[in-house]
Amino acid sequence: MSFNLAVTKKRTVLTLMLLIITLTTQGADMNRLDDYQWKNRLILVHATSENSSEIETLRSARAEIDDRDIVWFVNTGSDVVSNQKAVSSSLESDIKAVLDESRSYGRVLLIGKDGGIKSRESSLDLDAIFRRIDGMPMRIREMRAD
């Protein structure tokens, strides 16, 4: 009987530790673009104006975006809008720097989970982005696993 009690206590402690670790990691702030590597694909957009339609386009495709583990950021000029709850100042600086660096190549960037830039486009075409993502080997494995 005491053996079963000891095993039960160990399991309870282990379960609580795993729960705390999970909650801590889930709530961790993403403060740099590198923090998303191997977790999410990123879409970075340099908006043409503060009232740009790109934000609404991205918001309206929430299910498809969530299914592909996409986090998006739109630089409106005055701030950065995202499907994340908050954007830290260091993350905003990273986003603006990457967009400024790539501005001559395109104003919409797709960054893969490996951190590499997968496409640079002049406008936001979500269907084309989804097709590109769905053709990636990592995404193909993800779809097979689901």
N, C-alpha and C. Protein backbone atom coordinates (compact mmCIF):
# COMPACT_ATOMS: atom_id res chain seq x y z
N MET A 1 0.81 -1.19 0.00
CA MET A 1 0.00 0.00 0.00
C MET A 1 0.86 1.26 0.00
N SER A 2 1.92 1.29 0.81
CA SER A 2 2.78 2.47 0.87
C SER A 2 3.53 2.66 -0.45
N PHE A 3 3.83 1.55 -1.15
CA PHE A 3 4.48 1.64 -2.44
C PHE A 3 3.58 2.37 -3.44
N ASN A 4 2.29 2.01 -3.46
CA ASN A 4 1.33 2.66 -4.36
C ASN A 4 1.17 4.13 -4.02
N LEU A 5 1.20 4.46 -2.73
CA LEU A 5 1.09 5.85 -2.31
C LEU A 5 2.31 6.66 -2.78
N ALA A 6 3.50 6.06 -2.67
CA ALA A 6 4.71 6.74 -3.11
C ALA A 6 4.69 6.97 -4.62
N VAL A 7 4.25 5.98 -5.38
CA VAL A 7 4.16 6.11 -6.84
C VAL A 7 3.14 7.19 -7.20
N THR A 8 2.03 7.21 -6.53
CA THR A 8 0.98 8.20 -6.78
C THR A 8 1.51 9.61 -6.50
N LYS A 9 2.24 9.77 -5.38
CA LYS A 9 2.81 11.08 -5.05
C LYS A 9 3.81 11.53 -6.11
N LYS A 10 4.65 10.62 -6.57
CA LYS A 10 5.64 10.95 -7.60
C LYS A 10 4.95 11.36 -8.90
N ARG A 11 3.91 10.63 -9.27
CA ARG A 11 3.16 10.98 -10.48
C ARG A 11 2.51 12.34 -10.36
N THR A 12 1.95 12.62 -9.18
CA THR A 12 1.29 13.90 -8.96
C THR A 12 2.30 15.05 -9.06
N VAL A 13 3.46 14.88 -8.42
CA VAL A 13 4.50 15.90 -8.47
C VAL A 13 4.98 16.09 -9.90
N LEU A 14 5.21 15.00 -10.61
CA LEU A 14 5.65 15.08 -12.00
C LEU A 14 4.61 15.77 -12.87
N THR A 15 3.36 15.42 -12.68
CA THR A 15 2.28 16.04 -13.46
C THR A 15 2.22 17.53 -13.19
N LEU A 16 2.34 17.94 -11.93
CA LEU A 16 2.32 19.36 -11.59
C LEU A 16 3.51 20.10 -12.19
N MET A 17 4.67 19.47 -12.15
CA MET A 17 5.86 20.10 -12.74
C MET A 17 5.67 20.29 -14.25
N LEU A 18 5.17 19.27 -14.92
CA LEU A 18 4.94 19.38 -16.37
C LEU A 18 3.91 20.46 -16.69
N LEU A 19 2.87 20.55 -15.87
CA LEU A 19 1.85 21.57 -16.06
C LEU A 19 2.44 22.97 -15.91
N ILE A 20 3.27 23.16 -14.90
CA ILE A 20 3.89 24.47 -14.68
C ILE A 20 4.82 24.82 -15.84
N ILE A 21 5.60 23.86 -16.28
CA ILE A 21 6.50 24.11 -17.41
C ILE A 21 5.70 24.47 -18.66
N THR A 22 4.62 23.74 -18.92
CA THR A 22 3.79 24.00 -20.09
C THR A 22 3.17 25.39 -20.02
N LEU A 23 2.62 25.74 -18.88
CA LEU A 23 1.99 27.06 -18.73
C LEU A 23 3.02 28.18 -18.86
N THR A 24 4.21 27.96 -18.34
CA THR A 24 5.26 28.97 -18.43
C THR A 24 5.69 29.17 -19.87
N THR A 25 5.85 28.08 -20.60
CA THR A 25 6.30 28.20 -22.00
C THR A 25 5.19 28.77 -22.87
N GLN A 26 3.96 28.37 -22.63
CA GLN A 26 2.85 28.88 -23.44
C GLN A 26 2.68 30.38 -23.25
N GLY A 27 2.94 30.87 -22.05
CA GLY A 27 2.73 32.28 -21.78
C GLY A 27 3.96 33.13 -22.03
N ALA A 28 5.03 32.50 -22.45
CA ALA A 28 6.28 33.25 -22.64
C ALA A 28 6.11 34.27 -23.75
N ASP A 29 6.61 35.47 -23.50
CA ASP A 29 6.54 36.52 -24.51
C ASP A 29 7.52 36.22 -25.62
N MET A 30 7.10 36.54 -26.82
CA MET A 30 7.97 36.41 -27.97
C MET A 30 8.53 37.81 -28.21
N ASN A 31 9.79 38.00 -27.87
CA ASN A 31 10.38 39.33 -27.92
C ASN A 31 11.29 39.59 -29.11
N ARG A 32 11.62 38.56 -29.86
CA ARG A 32 12.47 38.70 -31.03
C ARG A 32 11.89 37.83 -32.14
N LEU A 33 12.19 38.14 -33.38
CA LEU A 33 11.73 37.29 -34.49
C LEU A 33 12.28 35.88 -34.36
N ASP A 34 13.51 35.77 -33.85
CA ASP A 34 14.13 34.44 -33.68
C ASP A 34 13.32 33.54 -32.74
N ASP A 35 12.54 34.12 -31.84
CA ASP A 35 11.76 33.32 -30.89
C ASP A 35 10.69 32.48 -31.60
N TYR A 36 10.33 32.85 -32.82
CA TYR A 36 9.30 32.12 -33.57
C TYR A 36 9.87 30.95 -34.36
N GLN A 37 11.20 30.92 -34.50
CA GLN A 37 11.83 29.88 -35.32
C GLN A 37 11.47 28.50 -34.79
N TRP A 38 11.11 27.62 -35.73
CA TRP A 38 10.71 26.23 -35.50
C TRP A 38 9.34 26.10 -34.84
N LYS A 39 8.67 27.24 -34.58
CA LYS A 39 7.32 27.20 -34.00
C LYS A 39 6.28 27.70 -34.98
N ASN A 40 6.64 28.77 -35.70
CA ASN A 40 5.67 29.43 -36.57
C ASN A 40 6.28 29.86 -37.89
N ARG A 41 5.41 29.95 -38.89
CA ARG A 41 5.75 30.63 -40.14
C ARG A 41 5.32 32.08 -39.95
N LEU A 42 6.01 32.99 -40.58
CA LEU A 42 5.71 34.41 -40.40
C LEU A 42 5.37 35.06 -41.73
N ILE A 43 4.40 35.95 -41.68
CA ILE A 43 4.10 36.83 -42.81
C ILE A 43 4.34 38.25 -42.29
N LEU A 44 5.26 38.95 -42.94
CA LEU A 44 5.56 40.34 -42.60
C LEU A 44 5.10 41.21 -43.75
N VAL A 45 4.33 42.24 -43.43
CA VAL A 45 3.78 43.12 -44.47
C VAL A 45 4.11 44.56 -44.14
N HIS A 46 4.63 45.25 -45.14
CA HIS A 46 4.78 46.70 -45.03
C HIS A 46 3.56 47.30 -45.71
N ALA A 47 2.63 47.82 -44.91
CA ALA A 47 1.36 48.33 -45.44
C ALA A 47 1.57 49.56 -46.30
N THR A 48 0.70 49.70 -47.30
CA THR A 48 0.78 50.86 -48.18
C THR A 48 0.25 52.11 -47.50
N SER A 49 -0.65 51.94 -46.51
CA SER A 49 -1.18 53.07 -45.74
C SER A 49 -1.66 52.54 -44.39
N GLU A 50 -1.96 53.48 -43.48
CA GLU A 50 -2.43 53.06 -42.16
C GLU A 50 -3.80 52.41 -42.22
N ASN A 51 -4.58 52.71 -43.22
CA ASN A 51 -5.91 52.12 -43.37
C ASN A 51 -5.89 50.98 -44.39
N SER A 52 -4.80 50.29 -44.42
CA SER A 52 -4.58 49.25 -45.41
C SER A 52 -5.54 48.07 -45.24
N SER A 53 -5.91 47.47 -46.34
CA SER A 53 -6.83 46.32 -46.32
C SER A 53 -6.12 45.01 -45.95
N GLU A 54 -4.79 45.02 -45.92
CA GLU A 54 -4.05 43.79 -45.61
C GLU A 54 -4.41 43.23 -44.24
N ILE A 55 -4.62 44.11 -43.27
CA ILE A 55 -4.95 43.66 -41.92
C ILE A 55 -6.28 42.91 -41.92
N GLU A 56 -7.27 43.46 -42.58
CA GLU A 56 -8.58 42.79 -42.64
C GLU A 56 -8.50 41.49 -43.43
N THR A 57 -7.72 41.48 -44.50
CA THR A 57 -7.54 40.26 -45.29
C THR A 57 -6.94 39.16 -44.42
N LEU A 58 -5.92 39.49 -43.65
CA LEU A 58 -5.28 38.50 -42.77
C LEU A 58 -6.23 38.05 -41.67
N ARG A 59 -6.95 38.98 -41.08
CA ARG A 59 -7.90 38.61 -40.01
C ARG A 59 -9.02 37.71 -40.53
N SER A 60 -9.45 37.94 -41.75
CA SER A 60 -10.57 37.15 -42.30
C SER A 60 -10.16 35.72 -42.65
N ALA A 61 -8.86 35.45 -42.72
CA ALA A 61 -8.38 34.10 -43.05
C ALA A 61 -7.84 33.38 -41.82
N ARG A 62 -8.42 33.67 -40.68
CA ARG A 62 -7.89 33.16 -39.40
C ARG A 62 -7.76 31.63 -39.37
N ALA A 63 -8.76 30.91 -39.82
CA ALA A 63 -8.71 29.44 -39.76
C ALA A 63 -7.55 28.90 -40.59
N GLU A 64 -7.39 29.41 -41.81
CA GLU A 64 -6.31 28.94 -42.68
C GLU A 64 -4.95 29.32 -42.10
N ILE A 65 -4.87 30.50 -41.51
CA ILE A 65 -3.63 30.98 -40.92
C ILE A 65 -3.26 30.13 -39.70
N ASP A 66 -4.24 29.89 -38.84
CA ASP A 66 -3.99 29.06 -37.64
C ASP A 66 -3.59 27.64 -38.03
N ASP A 67 -4.23 27.10 -39.07
CA ASP A 67 -3.93 25.74 -39.51
C ASP A 67 -2.48 25.60 -39.97
N ARG A 68 -1.92 26.67 -40.49
CA ARG A 68 -0.55 26.63 -41.02
C ARG A 68 0.47 27.21 -40.04
N ASP A 69 0.07 27.43 -38.79
CA ASP A 69 0.96 27.96 -37.75
C ASP A 69 1.59 29.29 -38.16
N ILE A 70 0.76 30.17 -38.72
CA ILE A 70 1.26 31.47 -39.19
C ILE A 70 1.02 32.55 -38.14
N VAL A 71 2.04 33.34 -37.93
CA VAL A 71 1.91 34.57 -37.16
C VAL A 71 2.20 35.70 -38.15
N TRP A 72 1.33 36.70 -38.19
CA TRP A 72 1.53 37.79 -39.13
C TRP A 72 1.73 39.12 -38.42
N PHE A 73 2.47 39.98 -39.09
CA PHE A 73 2.75 41.32 -38.58
C PHE A 73 2.61 42.29 -39.74
N VAL A 74 1.87 43.37 -39.52
CA VAL A 74 1.71 44.42 -40.53
C VAL A 74 2.26 45.71 -39.96
N ASN A 75 3.28 46.26 -40.63
CA ASN A 75 3.85 47.54 -40.25
C ASN A 75 3.03 48.62 -40.94
N THR A 76 2.25 49.37 -40.15
CA THR A 76 1.39 50.41 -40.73
C THR A 76 2.11 51.74 -40.89
N GLY A 77 3.34 51.80 -40.42
CA GLY A 77 4.08 53.06 -40.44
C GLY A 77 4.13 53.65 -39.05
N SER A 78 2.98 53.67 -38.37
CA SER A 78 2.96 54.22 -37.01
C SER A 78 3.13 53.13 -35.95
N ASP A 79 2.68 51.90 -36.26
CA ASP A 79 2.87 50.79 -35.33
C ASP A 79 2.84 49.47 -36.08
N VAL A 80 2.92 48.38 -35.33
CA VAL A 80 2.87 47.04 -35.92
C VAL A 80 1.64 46.34 -35.37
N VAL A 81 0.78 45.86 -36.29
CA VAL A 81 -0.44 45.14 -35.94
C VAL A 81 -0.18 43.66 -36.19
N SER A 82 -0.75 42.80 -35.34
CA SER A 82 -0.47 41.37 -35.46
C SER A 82 -1.65 40.54 -34.99
N ASN A 83 -1.58 39.22 -35.27
CA ASN A 83 -2.55 38.30 -34.71
C ASN A 83 -2.08 37.79 -33.34
N GLN A 84 -1.00 38.36 -32.84
CA GLN A 84 -0.52 38.10 -31.48
C GLN A 84 -1.14 39.13 -30.55
N LYS A 85 -1.22 38.80 -29.28
CA LYS A 85 -1.84 39.72 -28.32
C LYS A 85 -1.08 41.03 -28.19
N ALA A 86 0.24 40.93 -28.12
CA ALA A 86 1.04 42.14 -27.95
C ALA A 86 2.34 42.00 -28.74
N VAL A 87 2.85 43.13 -29.15
CA VAL A 87 4.13 43.16 -29.87
C VAL A 87 5.08 44.02 -29.05
N SER A 88 6.14 43.39 -28.55
CA SER A 88 7.11 44.13 -27.74
C SER A 88 7.88 45.11 -28.63
N SER A 89 8.51 46.08 -27.99
CA SER A 89 9.26 47.08 -28.76
C SER A 89 10.46 46.44 -29.47
N SER A 90 11.09 45.45 -28.83
CA SER A 90 12.22 44.78 -29.50
C SER A 90 11.76 43.97 -30.70
N LEU A 91 10.60 43.32 -30.59
CA LEU A 91 10.04 42.57 -31.72
C LEU A 91 9.64 43.53 -32.84
N GLU A 92 9.02 44.65 -32.47
CA GLU A 92 8.65 45.65 -33.47
C GLU A 92 9.89 46.17 -34.21
N SER A 93 10.97 46.37 -33.48
CA SER A 93 12.23 46.82 -34.11
C SER A 93 12.75 45.79 -35.09
N ASP A 94 12.70 44.50 -34.70
CA ASP A 94 13.14 43.41 -35.59
C ASP A 94 12.32 43.41 -36.88
N ILE A 95 11.00 43.52 -36.73
CA ILE A 95 10.09 43.46 -37.88
C ILE A 95 10.37 44.62 -38.83
N LYS A 96 10.47 45.82 -38.28
CA LYS A 96 10.73 46.99 -39.12
C LYS A 96 12.08 46.89 -39.82
N ALA A 97 13.07 46.37 -39.11
CA ALA A 97 14.40 46.23 -39.71
C ALA A 97 14.39 45.25 -40.88
N VAL A 98 13.73 44.12 -40.71
CA VAL A 98 13.66 43.12 -41.79
C VAL A 98 12.90 43.68 -42.98
N LEU A 99 11.78 44.35 -42.71
CA LEU A 99 10.99 44.92 -43.81
C LEU A 99 11.76 46.03 -44.52
N ASP A 100 12.45 46.87 -43.77
CA ASP A 100 13.24 47.95 -44.40
C ASP A 100 14.36 47.37 -45.26
N GLU A 101 14.99 46.31 -44.76
CA GLU A 101 16.08 45.66 -45.48
C GLU A 101 15.60 45.04 -46.79
N SER A 102 14.38 44.55 -46.79
CA SER A 102 13.85 43.84 -47.97
C SER A 102 12.94 44.72 -48.82
N ARG A 103 12.79 45.96 -48.48
CA ARG A 103 11.83 46.84 -49.15
C ARG A 103 12.00 46.88 -50.66
N SER A 104 13.23 46.88 -51.14
CA SER A 104 13.45 46.96 -52.59
C SER A 104 13.09 45.65 -53.29
N TYR A 105 12.97 44.57 -52.53
CA TYR A 105 12.63 43.25 -53.11
C TYR A 105 11.16 42.91 -52.98
N GLY A 106 10.41 43.63 -52.15
CA GLY A 106 9.00 43.35 -51.95
C GLY A 106 8.54 43.83 -50.60
N ARG A 107 7.25 44.04 -50.48
CA ARG A 107 6.73 44.53 -49.21
C ARG A 107 5.99 43.47 -48.42
N VAL A 108 5.92 42.23 -48.93
CA VAL A 108 5.32 41.11 -48.21
C VAL A 108 6.35 39.98 -48.17
N LEU A 109 6.71 39.57 -46.97
CA LEU A 109 7.69 38.50 -46.80
C LEU A 109 7.04 37.29 -46.15
N LEU A 110 7.38 36.12 -46.64
CA LEU A 110 7.00 34.86 -46.00
C LEU A 110 8.28 34.26 -45.44
N ILE A 111 8.28 34.00 -44.14
CA ILE A 111 9.43 33.41 -43.48
C ILE A 111 9.01 32.04 -42.97
N GLY A 112 9.78 31.02 -43.32
CA GLY A 112 9.46 29.66 -42.91
C GLY A 112 9.82 29.38 -41.46
N LYS A 113 9.39 28.23 -40.98
CA LYS A 113 9.70 27.84 -39.61
C LYS A 113 11.20 27.74 -39.37
N ASP A 114 11.97 27.51 -40.43
CA ASP A 114 13.42 27.41 -40.29
C ASP A 114 14.08 28.79 -40.21
N GLY A 115 13.29 29.85 -40.34
CA GLY A 115 13.81 31.21 -40.25
C GLY A 115 14.24 31.81 -41.58
N GLY A 116 14.15 31.03 -42.66
CA GLY A 116 14.55 31.52 -43.97
C GLY A 116 13.43 32.23 -44.69
N ILE A 117 13.78 33.23 -45.48
CA ILE A 117 12.77 33.95 -46.28
C ILE A 117 12.40 33.05 -47.46
N LYS A 118 11.12 32.72 -47.56
CA LYS A 118 10.63 31.81 -48.59
C LYS A 118 10.08 32.54 -49.80
N SER A 119 9.59 33.77 -49.59
CA SER A 119 9.14 34.57 -50.74
C SER A 119 9.11 36.04 -50.37
N ARG A 120 9.26 36.85 -51.42
CA ARG A 120 9.16 38.30 -51.33
C ARG A 120 8.19 38.71 -52.42
N GLU A 121 7.13 39.37 -52.05
CA GLU A 121 6.10 39.76 -53.03
C GLU A 121 5.81 41.24 -52.92
N SER A 122 5.26 41.79 -54.00
CA SER A 122 4.90 43.21 -53.99
C SER A 122 3.53 43.46 -53.38
N SER A 123 2.70 42.40 -53.30
CA SER A 123 1.38 42.56 -52.69
C SER A 123 1.01 41.29 -51.93
N LEU A 124 0.01 41.42 -51.07
CA LEU A 124 -0.43 40.29 -50.25
C LEU A 124 -1.40 39.43 -51.05
N ASP A 125 -0.99 38.22 -51.38
CA ASP A 125 -1.84 37.25 -52.06
C ASP A 125 -1.84 35.98 -51.19
N LEU A 126 -2.83 35.89 -50.30
CA LEU A 126 -2.86 34.78 -49.35
C LEU A 126 -2.99 33.42 -50.04
N ASP A 127 -3.75 33.33 -51.11
CA ASP A 127 -3.87 32.05 -51.80
C ASP A 127 -2.51 31.57 -52.30
N ALA A 128 -1.72 32.47 -52.86
CA ALA A 128 -0.39 32.10 -53.34
C ALA A 128 0.52 31.71 -52.17
N ILE A 129 0.41 32.45 -51.07
CA ILE A 129 1.21 32.13 -49.88
C ILE A 129 0.82 30.76 -49.34
N PHE A 130 -0.48 30.48 -49.26
CA PHE A 130 -0.93 29.18 -48.75
C PHE A 130 -0.45 28.05 -49.66
N ARG A 131 -0.50 28.25 -50.99
CA ARG A 131 0.00 27.23 -51.92
C ARG A 131 1.49 26.98 -51.71
N ARG A 132 2.24 28.07 -51.55
CA ARG A 132 3.68 27.94 -51.33
C ARG A 132 3.95 27.16 -50.03
N ILE A 133 3.26 27.51 -48.97
CA ILE A 133 3.44 26.82 -47.69
C ILE A 133 3.05 25.35 -47.82
N ASP A 134 1.92 25.09 -48.45
CA ASP A 134 1.43 23.71 -48.56
C ASP A 134 2.35 22.83 -49.40
N GLY A 135 3.22 23.43 -50.18
CA GLY A 135 4.18 22.67 -50.97
C GLY A 135 5.51 22.43 -50.25
N MET A 136 5.67 23.01 -49.07
CA MET A 136 6.91 22.86 -48.31
C MET A 136 6.95 21.49 -47.64
N PRO A 137 8.11 20.83 -47.65
CA PRO A 137 8.22 19.49 -47.05
C PRO A 137 7.75 19.42 -45.60
N MET A 138 8.07 20.43 -44.79
CA MET A 138 7.65 20.40 -43.39
C MET A 138 6.13 20.46 -43.28
N ARG A 139 5.50 21.28 -44.12
CA ARG A 139 4.04 21.41 -44.11
C ARG A 139 3.39 20.11 -44.59
N ILE A 140 3.97 19.49 -45.59
CA ILE A 140 3.43 18.21 -46.10
C ILE A 140 3.44 17.18 -44.97
N ARG A 141 4.54 17.13 -44.20
CA ARG A 141 4.60 16.21 -43.05
C ARG A 141 3.55 16.55 -42.02
N GLU A 142 3.34 17.84 -41.78
CA GLU A 142 2.32 18.27 -40.81
C GLU A 142 0.93 17.82 -41.25
N MET A 143 0.63 17.97 -42.54
CA MET A 143 -0.70 17.59 -43.04
C MET A 143 -0.90 16.09 -42.95
N ARG A 144 0.14 15.32 -43.19
CA ARG A 144 0.04 13.84 -43.08
C ARG A 144 -0.19 13.43 -41.64
N ALA A 145 0.43 14.15 -40.70
CA ALA A 145 0.30 13.83 -39.27
C ALA A 145 -1.09 14.13 -38.75
N ASP A 146 -1.76 15.12 -39.36
CA ASP A 146 -3.11 15.49 -38.92
C ASP A 146 -4.07 14.48 -39.41
